[in-house]
Amino acid sequence: MNAFKLKTLVFAAALVGSASATAAGNATATLTNTATIVASCTLGATGFTNTYDPVTANATAPVRDATASVTYTCTNGGTGALIALDGGNHETGTSAVPIRHLAGATNTTDLLAYNLYQEPTYTTPWGYAAAAELAAIEDGVQHVLTVYTEIPAGQSLLHVDTYSDTVTATITF
């Protein structure tokens, strides 16, 4: 190839490479992005285990040395979440002051009374009526609430057995 043709070819390639397309116009659009954080809570619970001696140790003194717990997390900024504990499977009393009972595994009609409280002074029963619920802290952080348990003294007519009950914790948000 001669030098003239080579120079012409290089010049033509440079011209084509430097040419730009002429735009006829342009259009724009925006994306509006949103996310809504909804009120939400999680809830967990752990029951208590204890022993009861109706003849000697607990003839006149209640058992108050075991605790249960309720664990929860609620969305930050929520309003009005409430935690309630129902009366269990063998409840008497009222929804504000439920009297719960543990039932015997063998002697199922034997009922051992027990109480659940919101504080270690054993003065505020934990129930499920509006006045007996506990307000939850809604800050996005896990919280553990101690449930203070009491088995009242003087329940001496019950048989030797293992007693149990199931209480359901509910959080309303």
Foldseek 3Di string as FASTA:
>chain_A
DDPVVVVVVVVVVVVVVPDDDDDPDDDDDDDDDDDDDDKDKDKDKFDWDDDDDQPPPQQAAKDWDIKIKMKMAIAAPDPDKWKAKAQWDAWDDDQQFIWHWWAFPVRRVDTFTKFKAQDPVPDGTGGHDPVRIDTDHHGRDMDMGIITMIGHHNSPPDDPGDTHTDMDMDMDD
